[in-house]
Amino acid sequence: MDRQDLIQLLTNAMQGRVDDGVLGGRLREGQVKSRLVEAHPPEASSDGSHSLLASVAKAADLDLLPLSEDLWVLLGAEDAFFVDALNPRFWLLHSTARTQTVTSLWRKHIVSSAALDSAWLTAEQLRELEGERRWIKSSFSSDELQPNEAVVPRRWRVQVEGDAPDDLLAMVSESPKYRASASLTAVASILRDEQLGTARVAADYQGGFVSSGSSFEVVIGLLWRSLDRYEGYVRDLESRFQLKSGAIEESSADVSDGVALTFEGDVAQLDFPHRVSDLETFVGNLFNCREPFRLWAVPREVGESQWEANAVDLHVGHTLRLEITPDWMRILLGERTCGNTLARLVANLQHRFDARTRLEPAIA
């Protein structure tokens, strides 16, 4: 089975035309659930992807079968999960299994792995998704990160349907009462192609997509474009903010030969849209190892209303340094620290601290 065969198979499933003999009856009719996956296999190759997938399959008690180059299927007792690792760093996962089954696999055996993570889309990236917008969803909760903050509302969930639903959220975002909580969590759009057909796609900020309609071929185009954009975003974060050091030899008539150190990379800065009133609680909840931030550190107070932490990201185990005040946060990435660390931090602060949170290089 190659990719075109898989696309046709998933199109048939969306249309309700499933052959019970395919994959032992593990393919279901109806919606296709897809996820963008950020991966760190042992090496950036098909063999590296296979090795990482084999460890996932073993932990989840699934059978791993190759379909074609860089394309695999994970087989359970009742369901099948397709993994397309044409890009060894950024994968696509597809399944027609029930939502609860896909979510269980995702949480227990994929994002729990240090080598795998969700894609974390900012509000701007969700807005970029093409198609005729049918609804948007906004969800916000500050209880986990800042339970004592006076954000109003502290918990918020709303779905807006109809023509141009983005406009209503934009209006709410201008309200002093709601602007901190008006995060963009998910969007649903209609995709139409005169030759390929029509599909309805819902996408959320954690890289999850749910598709229905007559053509998965329309959907796969959107998924690949989304993956390409997300790869560009993460690699740009790494290019801009990984702090790299180097050495150059120096010599002069007056000074003996020596070595000078050079440093490259910006310090990432988040200027908080509103002031943090309980900084100690905020910092403690940020570094408790739990989802979704996945950061561990023993932060210390280094001055009045200023904390710092040498943290470990539980994804891959890379290090980063953070400096935090009530008004801003600065993040210094290590030389190899994954850009997804920053992507995850920004996206989750938009949903748990302030929807207006944006990332900028620190001003010297």
Protein backbone atom coordinates (compact mmCIF):
# COMPACT_ATOMS: atom_id res chain seq x y z
CA MET A 1 0.00 0.00 0.00
CA ASP A 2 1.44 3.39 -0.98
CA ARG A 3 0.25 6.87 0.02
CA GLN A 4 -2.21 7.16 -2.83
CA ASP A 5 -3.74 3.84 -1.83
CA LEU A 6 -4.04 5.08 1.75
CA ILE A 7 -5.70 8.31 0.63
CA GLN A 8 -8.23 6.32 -1.39
CA LEU A 9 -8.82 3.97 1.54
CA LEU A 10 -9.56 6.89 3.86
CA THR A 11 -11.75 8.56 1.22
CA ASN A 12 -13.80 5.35 1.03
CA ALA A 13 -14.10 5.33 4.82
CA MET A 14 -15.37 8.92 4.82
CA GLN A 15 -17.93 7.95 2.16
CA GLY A 16 -19.07 4.90 4.15
CA ARG A 17 -17.64 2.38 1.69
CA VAL A 18 -15.40 0.14 3.80
CA ASP A 19 -14.38 -3.32 2.72
CA ASP A 20 -14.50 -5.61 5.76
CA GLY A 21 -11.56 -7.53 4.38
CA VAL A 22 -9.19 -4.55 4.57
CA LEU A 23 -6.79 -4.84 7.52
CA GLY A 24 -8.92 -7.54 9.06
CA GLY A 25 -11.94 -5.28 9.45
CA ARG A 26 -10.03 -2.69 11.49
CA LEU A 27 -11.09 0.21 9.27
CA ARG A 28 -14.30 1.98 10.31
CA GLU A 29 -16.75 4.10 8.33
CA GLY A 30 -17.03 7.81 9.03
CA GLN A 31 -14.66 10.51 10.24
CA VAL A 32 -10.90 10.40 9.85
CA LYS A 33 -8.89 11.65 12.82
CA SER A 34 -5.42 13.00 12.04
CA ARG A 35 -2.65 14.43 14.22
CA LEU A 36 0.51 16.40 13.51
CA VAL A 37 3.37 14.80 15.45
CA GLU A 38 6.75 16.34 16.26
CA ALA A 39 9.27 13.49 16.54
CA HIS A 40 12.88 12.95 17.52
CA PRO A 41 13.83 9.49 16.20
CA PRO A 42 17.33 8.15 16.94
CA GLU A 43 18.35 9.32 13.47
CA ALA A 44 16.59 11.37 10.80
CA SER A 45 15.88 8.44 8.51
CA SER A 46 13.34 5.76 7.76
CA ASP A 47 15.25 3.38 10.04
CA GLY A 48 15.19 5.93 12.84
CA SER A 49 11.42 6.46 12.46
CA HIS A 50 10.88 2.70 12.44
CA SER A 51 12.90 2.29 15.63
CA LEU A 52 10.88 4.96 17.44
CA LEU A 53 7.56 3.59 16.18
CA ALA A 54 8.57 0.08 17.28
CA SER A 55 8.99 1.35 20.84
CA VAL A 56 5.53 2.99 20.70
CA ALA A 57 3.98 -0.20 19.33
CA LYS A 58 5.56 -2.32 22.05
CA ALA A 59 4.38 -0.01 24.84
CA ALA A 60 0.84 0.13 23.40
CA ASP A 61 0.66 -3.60 22.64
CA LEU A 62 0.15 -2.92 18.94
CA ASP A 63 1.57 -4.68 15.88
CA LEU A 64 3.74 -2.52 13.63
CA LEU A 65 3.62 -3.31 9.90
CA PRO A 66 5.43 -1.47 7.09
CA LEU A 67 3.21 -0.44 4.18
CA SER A 68 5.76 1.32 1.99
CA GLU A 69 8.80 3.51 2.47
CA ASP A 70 8.22 5.80 5.49
CA LEU A 71 4.61 4.60 5.83
CA TRP A 72 3.49 2.22 8.58
CA VAL A 73 0.33 0.94 10.24
CA LEU A 74 -0.11 0.18 13.94
CA LEU A 75 -2.67 -2.59 14.37
CA GLY A 76 -4.71 -3.16 17.50
CA ALA A 77 -7.41 -5.73 18.16
CA GLU A 78 -10.10 -3.57 16.53
CA ASP A 79 -8.47 -0.50 15.00
CA ALA A 80 -5.67 0.66 12.72
CA PHE A 81 -3.45 3.72 13.08
CA PHE A 82 -1.48 4.89 10.03
CA VAL A 83 1.79 6.80 10.50
CA ASP A 84 3.28 8.75 7.61
CA ALA A 85 6.88 9.69 8.43
CA LEU A 86 7.96 10.93 5.01
CA ASN A 87 9.35 13.85 7.01
CA PRO A 88 11.33 12.12 9.81
CA ARG A 89 10.90 15.10 12.16
CA PHE A 90 7.21 15.87 11.53
CA TRP A 91 4.80 12.97 11.13
CA LEU A 92 1.13 12.54 10.32
CA LEU A 93 -1.06 10.05 12.20
CA HIS A 94 -4.41 8.96 10.68
CA SER A 95 -7.13 6.68 12.01
CA THR A 96 -10.84 5.96 11.63
CA ALA A 97 -11.01 4.64 15.21
CA ARG A 98 -13.41 6.18 17.69
CA THR A 99 -12.30 9.52 19.12
CA GLN A 100 -11.89 8.04 22.60
CA THR A 101 -9.61 5.28 21.25
CA VAL A 102 -7.40 7.71 19.32
CA THR A 103 -7.20 10.04 22.33
CA SER A 104 -6.21 7.16 24.62
CA LEU A 105 -3.40 6.06 22.29
CA TRP A 106 -2.27 9.65 21.89
CA ARG A 107 -2.08 10.46 25.60
CA LYS A 108 -0.83 7.15 26.96
CA HIS A 109 1.71 6.10 24.35
CA ILE A 110 2.60 8.98 22.03
CA VAL A 111 2.90 12.30 23.83
CA SER A 112 3.98 10.46 26.98
CA SER A 113 7.12 9.45 25.07
CA ALA A 114 10.05 11.81 25.55
CA ALA A 115 10.78 11.57 21.82
CA LEU A 116 7.30 12.63 20.64
CA ASP A 117 5.15 15.70 21.08
CA SER A 118 2.05 17.41 19.74
CA ALA A 119 2.23 20.24 17.29
CA TRP A 120 1.26 23.40 19.21
CA LEU A 121 -0.46 25.92 16.95
CA THR A 122 -0.75 29.55 17.88
CA ALA A 123 -3.95 31.50 17.27
CA GLU A 124 -2.33 33.04 14.21
CA GLN A 125 -1.58 29.63 12.73
CA LEU A 126 -5.15 28.44 13.27
CA ARG A 127 -6.46 31.54 11.51
CA GLU A 128 -4.23 30.74 8.52
CA LEU A 129 -5.96 27.41 7.84
CA GLU A 130 -7.74 27.62 4.53
CA GLY A 131 -11.36 26.92 3.73
CA GLU A 132 -14.76 28.49 4.27
CA ARG A 133 -15.00 28.95 8.02
CA ARG A 134 -18.08 27.35 9.62
CA TRP A 135 -17.36 27.65 13.32
CA ILE A 136 -14.68 28.61 15.79
CA LYS A 137 -14.17 27.53 19.38
CA SER A 138 -12.62 29.44 22.24
CA SER A 139 -11.62 27.69 25.46
CA PHE A 140 -9.65 29.18 28.36
CA SER A 141 -8.82 28.12 31.91
CA SER A 142 -6.43 29.92 34.24
CA ASP A 143 -7.06 27.74 37.31
CA GLU A 144 -4.07 25.44 36.86
CA LEU A 145 -1.49 28.15 36.29
CA GLN A 146 -2.80 31.21 38.15
CA PRO A 147 -5.67 30.24 40.45
CA ASN A 148 -5.44 33.49 42.42
CA GLU A 149 -5.38 35.83 39.44
CA ALA A 150 -8.21 38.26 38.77
CA VAL A 151 -8.61 37.27 35.11
CA VAL A 152 -12.26 37.62 34.08
CA PRO A 153 -13.53 35.16 33.10
CA ARG A 154 -11.09 32.61 34.56
CA ARG A 155 -12.89 29.74 32.82
CA TRP A 156 -14.44 30.21 29.40
CA ARG A 157 -15.75 27.97 26.65
CA VAL A 158 -17.75 29.14 23.67
CA GLN A 159 -18.42 27.98 20.11
CA VAL A 160 -19.54 30.43 17.44
CA GLU A 161 -21.21 29.10 14.29
CA GLY A 162 -22.45 30.77 11.13
CA ASP A 163 -21.06 33.23 8.60
CA ALA A 164 -17.71 34.84 9.45
CA PRO A 165 -17.56 33.51 13.04
CA ASP A 166 -14.05 34.92 13.42
CA ASP A 167 -15.48 38.42 13.46
CA LEU A 168 -17.40 37.84 16.69
CA LEU A 169 -14.34 36.54 18.54
CA ALA A 170 -12.40 39.54 17.23
CA MET A 171 -15.06 41.82 18.73
CA VAL A 172 -14.90 39.98 22.06
CA SER A 173 -11.11 40.28 22.01
CA GLU A 174 -11.47 44.06 22.14
CA SER A 175 -13.52 43.94 25.35
CA PRO A 176 -11.50 44.78 28.51
CA LYS A 177 -13.51 42.13 30.36
CA TYR A 178 -12.95 39.25 27.93
CA ARG A 179 -9.80 39.99 25.92
CA ALA A 180 -7.44 38.01 28.20
CA SER A 181 -9.65 34.92 27.90
CA ALA A 182 -10.58 35.09 24.21
CA SER A 183 -8.16 32.42 23.00
CA LEU A 184 -8.65 30.68 19.66
CA THR A 185 -8.80 26.95 20.37
CA ALA A 186 -10.28 25.29 17.27
CA VAL A 187 -11.73 26.10 13.85
CA ALA A 188 -13.88 24.18 11.38
CA SER A 189 -13.91 24.85 7.67
CA ILE A 190 -15.37 23.56 4.43
CA LEU A 191 -12.88 22.63 1.70
CA ARG A 192 -14.15 22.40 -1.87
CA ASP A 193 -12.47 21.23 -5.05
CA GLU A 194 -14.41 20.89 -8.31
CA GLN A 195 -12.54 17.73 -9.27
CA LEU A 196 -11.71 16.11 -5.91
CA GLY A 197 -14.84 16.83 -3.89
CA THR A 198 -15.74 18.41 -0.57
CA ALA A 199 -14.65 17.90 3.02
CA ARG A 200 -15.33 19.46 6.41
CA VAL A 201 -12.24 19.75 8.61
CA ALA A 202 -12.06 20.75 12.27
CA ALA A 203 -8.60 21.62 13.61
CA ASP A 204 -7.45 22.45 17.15
CA TYR A 205 -4.40 24.18 18.60
CA GLN A 206 -2.82 20.85 19.62
CA GLY A 207 -2.46 19.70 16.03
CA GLY A 208 -5.58 17.53 15.93
CA PHE A 209 -7.79 17.33 12.81
CA VAL A 210 -11.16 15.62 12.29
CA SER A 211 -12.37 15.21 8.70
CA SER A 212 -15.65 14.18 7.11
CA GLY A 213 -17.17 14.48 3.64
CA SER A 214 -16.48 12.95 0.25
CA SER A 215 -12.73 13.37 -0.27
CA PHE A 216 -9.74 12.73 1.95
CA GLU A 217 -7.59 13.85 -0.98
CA VAL A 218 -8.80 17.40 -0.34
CA VAL A 219 -7.94 16.98 3.34
CA ILE A 220 -4.45 15.57 2.84
CA GLY A 221 -3.45 18.68 0.92
CA LEU A 222 -4.42 20.86 3.87
CA LEU A 223 -2.58 18.51 6.27
CA TRP A 224 0.65 18.58 4.30
CA ARG A 225 0.53 22.36 3.95
CA SER A 226 -0.12 22.67 7.70
CA LEU A 227 2.79 20.33 8.44
CA ASP A 228 5.11 22.32 6.17
CA ARG A 229 4.12 25.61 7.82
CA TYR A 230 4.56 24.14 11.27
CA GLU A 231 7.97 22.77 10.40
CA GLY A 232 8.99 26.22 9.18
CA TYR A 233 7.72 27.75 12.43
CA VAL A 234 9.62 25.33 14.70
CA ARG A 235 12.84 25.48 12.71
CA ASP A 236 12.64 29.28 12.67
CA LEU A 237 12.32 29.27 16.47
CA GLU A 238 15.43 27.10 16.66
CA SER A 239 17.32 29.26 14.20
CA ARG A 240 16.44 32.46 16.07
CA PHE A 241 16.60 31.40 19.70
CA GLN A 242 19.01 28.50 20.15
CA LEU A 243 22.07 30.04 21.79
CA LYS A 244 25.20 28.76 20.08
CA SER A 245 28.79 29.42 21.07
CA GLY A 246 31.92 29.13 19.00
CA ALA A 247 35.60 29.94 19.13
CA ILE A 248 37.80 31.94 16.78
CA GLU A 249 41.54 32.21 17.00
CA GLU A 250 43.00 35.66 17.55
CA SER A 251 46.55 36.90 17.13
CA SER A 252 48.23 40.30 17.01
CA ALA A 253 51.66 41.80 17.38
CA ASP A 254 50.86 42.92 20.92
CA VAL A 255 48.88 39.96 22.19
CA SER A 256 49.88 36.33 22.19
CA ASP A 257 47.72 33.94 20.25
CA GLY A 258 44.41 33.28 22.00
CA VAL A 259 40.86 32.21 21.50
CA ALA A 260 37.79 34.46 21.50
CA LEU A 261 34.30 33.14 22.12
CA THR A 262 31.39 34.10 19.91
CA PHE A 263 27.70 33.72 20.67
CA GLU A 264 24.78 33.55 18.27
CA GLY A 265 21.04 33.56 18.88
CA ASP A 266 18.44 35.83 20.44
CA VAL A 267 16.90 35.65 23.87
CA ALA A 268 13.17 34.97 23.50
CA GLN A 269 10.92 37.32 25.45
CA LEU A 270 7.25 37.26 26.40
CA ASP A 271 5.95 40.63 27.56
CA PHE A 272 2.94 39.71 29.66
CA PRO A 273 -0.27 41.43 28.48
CA HIS A 274 -1.34 41.71 32.12
CA ARG A 275 0.72 41.75 35.30
CA VAL A 276 1.10 38.53 37.30
CA SER A 277 -0.11 39.27 40.83
CA ASP A 278 0.92 35.96 42.47
CA LEU A 279 4.27 35.24 40.86
CA GLU A 280 5.33 32.48 43.28
CA THR A 281 2.25 30.39 42.50
CA PHE A 282 2.59 31.07 38.77
CA VAL A 283 6.21 29.91 38.79
CA GLY A 284 5.50 26.86 40.92
CA ASN A 285 2.72 25.66 38.63
CA LEU A 286 4.81 26.25 35.51
CA PHE A 287 7.60 23.88 36.59
CA ASN A 288 5.67 21.00 38.16
CA CYS A 289 6.38 18.53 35.29
CA ARG A 290 2.69 18.20 34.45
CA GLU A 291 0.93 18.50 31.15
CA PRO A 292 0.73 20.61 29.15
CA PHE A 293 3.92 22.58 29.91
CA ARG A 294 6.10 19.49 30.61
CA LEU A 295 8.81 21.54 32.34
CA TRP A 296 10.77 20.52 35.45
CA ALA A 297 12.88 22.87 37.53
CA VAL A 298 13.59 24.05 41.05
CA PRO A 299 13.01 27.77 40.57
CA ARG A 300 14.60 30.27 42.91
CA GLU A 301 13.81 33.85 43.79
CA VAL A 302 16.83 35.99 42.93
CA GLY A 303 15.43 39.40 43.72
CA GLU A 304 12.28 41.21 44.62
CA SER A 305 9.60 39.86 42.24
CA GLN A 306 12.14 38.09 40.06
CA TRP A 307 12.64 34.35 39.66
CA GLU A 308 14.93 32.22 37.56
CA ALA A 309 14.99 28.53 36.70
CA ASN A 310 17.31 26.16 34.88
CA ALA A 311 14.64 23.87 33.48
CA VAL A 312 14.49 20.53 31.72
CA ASP A 313 11.87 19.95 29.04
CA LEU A 314 10.46 16.46 29.53
CA HIS A 315 10.14 16.28 25.73
CA VAL A 316 13.58 15.07 24.58
CA GLY A 317 15.15 16.20 27.89
CA HIS A 318 16.80 19.36 26.60
CA THR A 319 17.56 22.30 28.87
CA LEU A 320 16.50 25.92 28.90
CA ARG A 321 16.84 28.85 31.27
CA LEU A 322 13.94 31.10 32.20
CA GLU A 323 13.86 34.47 33.95
CA ILE A 324 10.43 35.57 35.15
CA THR A 325 9.04 38.77 36.61
CA PRO A 326 5.41 39.92 36.98
CA ASP A 327 5.75 41.75 33.65
CA TRP A 328 7.82 39.53 31.40
CA MET A 329 9.47 36.16 30.85
CA ARG A 330 12.78 35.56 29.10
CA ILE A 331 13.72 32.17 27.70
CA LEU A 332 17.24 31.08 26.78
CA LEU A 333 17.32 27.88 24.75
CA GLY A 334 20.30 25.56 24.84
CA GLU A 335 22.27 24.88 21.69
CA ARG A 336 20.12 21.84 20.80
CA THR A 337 16.90 22.61 22.68
CA CYS A 338 13.87 21.74 20.57
CA GLY A 339 11.88 24.64 19.11
CA ASN A 340 8.71 22.76 20.02
CA THR A 341 9.48 23.68 23.64
CA LEU A 342 8.87 27.34 22.82
CA ALA A 343 5.88 26.53 20.62
CA ARG A 344 4.26 24.57 23.48
CA LEU A 345 4.98 27.31 26.01
CA VAL A 346 3.47 30.09 23.89
CA ALA A 347 0.37 28.13 22.84
CA ASN A 348 -0.45 27.06 26.39
CA LEU A 349 0.12 30.50 27.88
CA GLN A 350 -2.42 31.74 25.33
CA HIS A 351 -4.93 29.25 26.78
CA ARG A 352 -4.01 29.43 30.48
CA PHE A 353 -2.57 32.89 31.11
CA ASP A 354 -3.56 35.46 28.49
CA ALA A 355 -4.81 34.98 24.92
CA ARG A 356 -2.77 37.99 23.81
CA THR A 357 0.60 36.42 24.69
CA ARG A 358 3.14 36.83 21.88
CA LEU A 359 6.80 35.88 21.44
CA GLU A 360 9.45 38.46 20.62
CA PRO A 361 13.26 38.60 20.71
CA ALA A 362 14.47 40.37 23.85
CA ILE A 363 15.52 43.97 23.36
CA ALA A 364 19.14 44.47 24.33
